[in-house]
PDB file of N, CA and C in Angstrom:
ATOM      1  N   MET A   1       2.840  15.346  13.726  1.00  0.00           N
ATOM      2  CA  MET A   1       1.544  14.708  13.471  1.00  0.00           C
ATOM      3  C   MET A   1       1.361  14.257  12.169  1.00  0.00           C
ATOM      4  N   ALA A   2       1.382  13.049  11.752  1.00  0.00           N
ATOM      5  CA  ALA A   2       1.098  12.145  10.229  1.00  0.00           C
ATOM      6  C   ALA A   2      -0.543  12.896   9.437  1.00  0.00           C
ATOM      7  N   TYR A   3      -0.529  13.017   8.457  1.00  0.00           N
ATOM      8  CA  TYR A   3      -1.994  13.545   7.937  1.00  0.00           C
ATOM      9  C   TYR A   3      -2.296  12.545   7.604  1.00  0.00           C
ATOM     10  N   ILE A   4      -1.356  11.544   7.047  1.00  0.00           N
ATOM     11  CA  ILE A   4      -1.485   9.726   6.529  1.00  0.00           C
ATOM     12  C   ILE A   4      -0.800   9.029   6.972  1.00  0.00           C
ATOM     13  N   GLU A   5      -1.529   7.742   7.955  1.00  0.00           N
ATOM     14  CA  GLU A   5       0.167   7.016   8.203  1.00  0.00           C
ATOM     15  C   GLU A   5      -0.642   5.430   7.941  1.00  0.00           C
ATOM     16  N   LEU A   6       0.108   4.897   7.341  1.00  0.00           N
ATOM     17  CA  LEU A   6       0.053   3.297   6.860  1.00  0.00           C
ATOM     18  C   LEU A   6       1.185   2.494   7.679  1.00  0.00           C
ATOM     19  N   LYS A   7       0.453   1.520   9.261  1.00  0.00           N
ATOM     20  CA  LYS A   7       1.587   0.860   9.797  1.00  0.00           C
ATOM     21  C   LYS A   7       1.240  -0.683   9.373  1.00  0.00           C
ATOM     22  N   ASN A   8       2.278  -1.785   9.253  1.00  0.00           N
ATOM     23  CA  ASN A   8       2.092  -2.950   8.644  1.00  0.00           C
ATOM     24  C   ASN A   8       1.305  -3.144   8.014  1.00  0.00           C
ATOM     25  N   ASN A   9       1.037  -2.980   6.949  1.00  0.00           N
ATOM     26  CA  ASN A   9      -0.469  -3.103   6.147  1.00  0.00           C
ATOM     27  C   ASN A   9       0.187  -4.401   5.010  1.00  0.00           C
ATOM     28  N   THR A  10      -0.644  -4.984   4.849  1.00  0.00           N
ATOM     29  CA  THR A  10       0.088  -6.457   3.842  1.00  0.00           C
ATOM     30  C   THR A  10      -1.754  -6.253   3.072  1.00  0.00           C
ATOM     31  N   LYS A  11      -1.549  -6.913   1.807  1.00  0.00           N
ATOM     32  CA  LYS A  11      -2.588  -7.176   1.246  1.00  0.00           C
ATOM     33  C   LYS A  11      -2.144  -8.501   1.081  1.00  0.00           C
ATOM     34  N   ILE A  12      -3.343  -9.451   1.045  1.00  0.00           N
ATOM     35  CA  ILE A  12      -3.422 -10.832   0.291  1.00  0.00           C
ATOM     36  C   ILE A  12      -4.154 -11.452  -0.309  1.00  0.00           C
ATOM     37  N   TYR A  13      -4.356 -11.861  -1.589  1.00  0.00           N
ATOM     38  CA  TYR A  13      -4.939 -12.476  -2.666  1.00  0.00           C
ATOM     39  C   TYR A  13      -5.022 -13.965  -2.710  1.00  0.00           C
ATOM     40  N   GLN A  14      -6.080 -14.149  -2.522  1.00  0.00           N
ATOM     41  CA  GLN A  14      -6.168 -15.881  -2.383  1.00  0.00           C
ATOM     42  C   GLN A  14      -5.942 -15.941  -3.916  1.00  0.00           C
ATOM     43  N   SER A  15      -5.415 -17.466  -4.056  1.00  0.00           N
ATOM     44  CA  SER A  15      -5.900 -18.310  -5.506  1.00  0.00           C
ATOM     45  C   SER A  15      -5.950 -19.563  -5.725  1.00  0.00           C
ATOM     46  N   GLY A  16      -7.244 -19.981  -5.482  1.00  0.00           N
ATOM     47  CA  GLY A  16      -7.029 -21.559  -4.717  1.00  0.00           C
ATOM     48  C   GLY A  16      -6.614 -21.236  -3.568  1.00  0.00           C
ATOM     49  N   TYR A  17      -5.555 -22.564  -3.430  1.00  0.00           N
ATOM     50  CA  TYR A  17      -5.054 -23.064  -1.731  1.00  0.00           C
ATOM     51  C   TYR A  17      -3.572 -22.299  -1.947  1.00  0.00           C
ATOM     52  N   THR A  18      -3.179 -20.848  -2.526  1.00  0.00           N
ATOM     53  CA  THR A  18      -2.437 -20.760  -2.387  1.00  0.00           C
ATOM     54  C   THR A  18      -2.589 -18.904  -1.770  1.00  0.00           C
ATOM     55  N   ALA A  19      -2.082 -18.451  -0.890  1.00  0.00           N
ATOM     56  CA  ALA A  19      -2.323 -17.147  -0.913  1.00  0.00           C
ATOM     57  C   ALA A  19      -0.803 -16.148  -1.383  1.00  0.00           C
ATOM     58  N   ILE A  20      -1.398 -14.978  -1.895  1.00  0.00           N
ATOM     59  CA  ILE A  20       0.009 -14.293  -2.751  1.00  0.00           C
ATOM     60  C   ILE A  20      -0.330 -13.129  -1.876  1.00  0.00           C
ATOM     61  N   TYR A  21       1.290 -12.653  -1.597  1.00  0.00           N
ATOM     62  CA  TYR A  21       1.032 -11.318  -0.892  1.00  0.00           C
ATOM     63  C   TYR A  21       1.756 -10.574  -1.407  1.00  0.00           C
ATOM     64  N   THR A  22       0.770  -9.490  -1.394  1.00  0.00           N
ATOM     65  CA  THR A  22       1.504  -8.013  -2.364  1.00  0.00           C
ATOM     66  C   THR A  22       1.474  -6.974  -1.543  1.00  0.00           C
ATOM     67  N   ASN A  23       2.558  -5.694  -1.440  1.00  0.00           N
ATOM     68  CA  ASN A  23       2.479  -4.729  -0.865  1.00  0.00           C
ATOM     69  C   ASN A  23       3.008  -5.090   0.992  1.00  0.00           C
ATOM     70  N   LYS A  24       3.758  -6.346   1.441  1.00  0.00           N
ATOM     71  CA  LYS A  24       3.933  -6.822   2.468  1.00  0.00           C
ATOM     72  C   LYS A  24       4.937  -6.121   3.517  1.00  0.00           C
ATOM     73  N   ASP A  25       3.571  -5.718   4.129  1.00  0.00           N
ATOM     74  CA  ASP A  25       4.565  -5.313   5.997  1.00  0.00           C
ATOM     75  C   ASP A  25       4.581  -3.909   5.154  1.00  0.00           C
ATOM     76  N   ILE A  26       4.085  -2.382   4.597  1.00  0.00           N
ATOM     77  CA  ILE A  26       4.608  -1.716   4.166  1.00  0.00           C
ATOM     78  C   ILE A  26       3.970  -0.575   4.970  1.00  0.00           C
ATOM     79  N   THR A  27       4.475   0.341   5.657  1.00  0.00           N
ATOM     80  CA  THR A  27       4.370   1.641   6.682  1.00  0.00           C
ATOM     81  C   THR A  27       5.321   2.732   6.124  1.00  0.00           C
ATOM     82  N   PHE A  28       4.436   4.046   5.930  1.00  0.00           N
ATOM     83  CA  PHE A  28       4.920   4.811   6.101  1.00  0.00           C
ATOM     84  C   PHE A  28       4.218   6.140   6.161  1.00  0.00           C
ATOM     85  N   SER A  29       4.044   6.978   6.797  1.00  0.00           N
ATOM     86  CA  SER A  29       3.867   8.085   6.596  1.00  0.00           C
ATOM     87  C   SER A  29       3.902   9.623   6.029  1.00  0.00           C
ATOM     88  N   ILE A  30       2.749  10.422   5.698  1.00  0.00           N
ATOM     89  CA  ILE A  30       2.346  11.976   4.608  1.00  0.00           C
ATOM     90  C   ILE A  30       2.197  13.199   6.100  1.00  0.00           C
ATOM     91  N   ASP A  31       3.254  13.534   6.177  1.00  0.00           N
ATOM     92  CA  ASP A  31       2.296  15.118   6.405  1.00  0.00           C
ATOM     93  C   ASP A  31       1.582  15.808   5.781  1.00  0.00           C
ATOM     94  N   LYS A  32       0.432  16.834   6.365  1.00  0.00           N
ATOM     95  CA  LYS A  32       0.122  18.050   5.133  1.00  0.00           C
ATOM     96  C   LYS A  32       0.977  18.583   4.888  1.00  0.00           C
ATOM     97  N   GLY A  33       0.618  18.347   3.815  1.00  0.00           N
ATOM     98  CA  GLY A  33       1.323  19.504   2.513  1.00  0.00           C
ATOM     99  C   GLY A  33       2.364  18.800   1.771  1.00  0.00           C
ATOM    100  N   GLU A  34       2.449  17.949   2.244  1.00  0.00           N
ATOM    101  CA  GLU A  34       3.902  17.019   1.455  1.00  0.00           C
ATOM    102  C   GLU A  34       3.531  16.211   0.579  1.00  0.00           C
ATOM    103  N   LEU A  35       4.463  16.357  -0.368  1.00  0.00           N
ATOM    104  CA  LEU A  35       4.444  15.593  -2.115  1.00  0.00           C
ATOM    105  C   LEU A  35       4.563  14.628  -1.937  1.00  0.00           C
ATOM    106  N   VAL A  36       3.983  13.276  -2.609  1.00  0.00           N
ATOM    107  CA  VAL A  36       4.319  11.605  -2.694  1.00  0.00           C
ATOM    108  C   VAL A  36       4.428  11.688  -3.682  1.00  0.00           C
ATOM    109  N   VAL A  37       5.419  11.095  -4.375  1.00  0.00           N
ATOM    110  CA  VAL A  37       5.269  10.118  -5.845  1.00  0.00           C
ATOM    111  C   VAL A  37       6.030   8.532  -5.614  1.00  0.00           C
ATOM    112  N   ILE A  38       4.734   7.615  -6.304  1.00  0.00           N
ATOM    113  CA  ILE A  38       4.740   6.344  -6.239  1.00  0.00           C
ATOM    114  C   ILE A  38       5.007   5.683  -7.322  1.00  0.00           C
ATOM    115  N   LEU A  39       6.130   5.161  -7.028  1.00  0.00           N
ATOM    116  CA  LEU A  39       7.095   4.654  -8.294  1.00  0.00           C
ATOM    117  C   LEU A  39       7.149   2.613  -7.838  1.00  0.00           C
ATOM    118  N   GLY A  40       6.936   2.313  -9.036  1.00  0.00           N
ATOM    119  CA  GLY A  40       7.512   0.890  -9.219  1.00  0.00           C
ATOM    120  C   GLY A  40       7.467   0.164 -10.377  1.00  0.00           C
ATOM    121  N   SER A  41       7.830  -0.952 -10.727  1.00  0.00           N
ATOM    122  CA  SER A  41       7.789  -1.916 -11.911  1.00  0.00           C
ATOM    123  C   SER A  41       6.225  -2.265 -11.923  1.00  0.00           C
ATOM    124  N   SER A  42       5.553  -2.612 -13.241  1.00  0.00           N
ATOM    125  CA  SER A  42       4.709  -3.177 -13.413  1.00  0.00           C
ATOM    126  C   SER A  42       4.661  -3.923 -12.547  1.00  0.00           C
ATOM    127  N   GLY A  43       2.986  -4.529 -11.924  1.00  0.00           N
ATOM    128  CA  GLY A  43       2.745  -5.311 -10.793  1.00  0.00           C
ATOM    129  C   GLY A  43       3.165  -5.272  -9.561  1.00  0.00           C
ATOM    130  N   ALA A  44       3.949  -3.977  -9.360  1.00  0.00           N
ATOM    131  CA  ALA A  44       4.814  -4.222  -7.467  1.00  0.00           C
ATOM    132  C   ALA A  44       3.866  -3.673  -6.751  1.00  0.00           C
ATOM    133  N   GLY A  45       2.245  -3.461  -7.269  1.00  0.00           N
ATOM    134  CA  GLY A  45       1.175  -3.121  -6.048  1.00  0.00           C
ATOM    135  C   GLY A  45       1.367  -1.488  -6.059  1.00  0.00           C
ATOM    136  N   LYS A  46       1.321  -0.550  -6.225  1.00  0.00           N
ATOM    137  CA  LYS A  46       0.869   1.105  -6.635  1.00  0.00           C
ATOM    138  C   LYS A  46       0.004   1.159  -6.551  1.00  0.00           C
ATOM    139  N   SER A  47      -0.988   0.258  -7.746  1.00  0.00           N
ATOM    140  CA  SER A  47      -2.598   0.385  -7.975  1.00  0.00           C
ATOM    141  C   SER A  47      -3.468   0.067  -6.713  1.00  0.00           C
ATOM    142  N   THR A  48      -2.376  -1.340  -6.401  1.00  0.00           N
ATOM    143  CA  THR A  48      -3.258  -2.063  -4.942  1.00  0.00           C
ATOM    144  C   THR A  48      -3.095  -0.671  -3.460  1.00  0.00           C
ATOM    145  N   LEU A  49      -1.993  -0.569  -3.481  1.00  0.00           N
ATOM    146  CA  LEU A  49      -1.258   0.499  -2.386  1.00  0.00           C
ATOM    147  C   LEU A  49      -2.862   1.296  -2.408  1.00  0.00           C
ATOM    148  N   LEU A  50      -3.142   2.127  -3.513  1.00  0.00           N
ATOM    149  CA  LEU A  50      -3.691   3.579  -3.662  1.00  0.00           C
ATOM    150  C   LEU A  50      -5.383   3.020  -3.935  1.00  0.00           C
ATOM    151  N   ASN A  51      -5.489   1.868  -3.644  1.00  0.00           N
ATOM    152  CA  ASN A  51      -7.061   1.228  -3.540  1.00  0.00           C
ATOM    153  C   ASN A  51      -7.085   1.307  -1.938  1.00  0.00           C
ATOM    154  N   ILE A  52      -6.179   1.024  -1.421  1.00  0.00           N
ATOM    155  CA  ILE A  52      -6.290   0.749  -0.053  1.00  0.00           C
ATOM    156  C   ILE A  52      -6.336   2.585   0.675  1.00  0.00           C
ATOM    157  N   LEU A  53      -5.265   3.464   0.131  1.00  0.00           N
ATOM    158  CA  LEU A  53      -5.695   4.542   0.851  1.00  0.00           C
ATOM    159  C   LEU A  53      -6.714   4.911   0.130  1.00  0.00           C
ATOM    160  N   GLY A  54      -7.555   4.653  -0.976  1.00  0.00           N
ATOM    161  CA  GLY A  54      -8.919   5.520  -1.066  1.00  0.00           C
ATOM    162  C   GLY A  54      -9.961   4.660  -0.444  1.00  0.00           C
ATOM    163  N   GLY A  55      -9.434   3.512   0.476  1.00  0.00           N
ATOM    164  CA  GLY A  55     -10.743   2.866   0.660  1.00  0.00           C
ATOM    165  C   GLY A  55     -10.534   3.249   2.606  1.00  0.00           C
ATOM    166  N   MET A  56      -9.933   4.414   3.030  1.00  0.00           N
ATOM    167  CA  MET A  56     -10.063   4.554   4.645  1.00  0.00           C
ATOM    168  C   MET A  56     -10.961   5.108   4.523  1.00  0.00           C
TER     169      MET A  56
END
């Protein structure tokens, strides 16, 4: 059983009439005791993902 699980998550920012999608359709699970590293280039959505997880 997953300790943390995220399914089909998408973050949408609104800019005027334009929708900006970040982290589109993210799905993963983390088991208890598992070590996880989040990598990506600048603007890839790493901080957005951590903010979503922090708000759970």
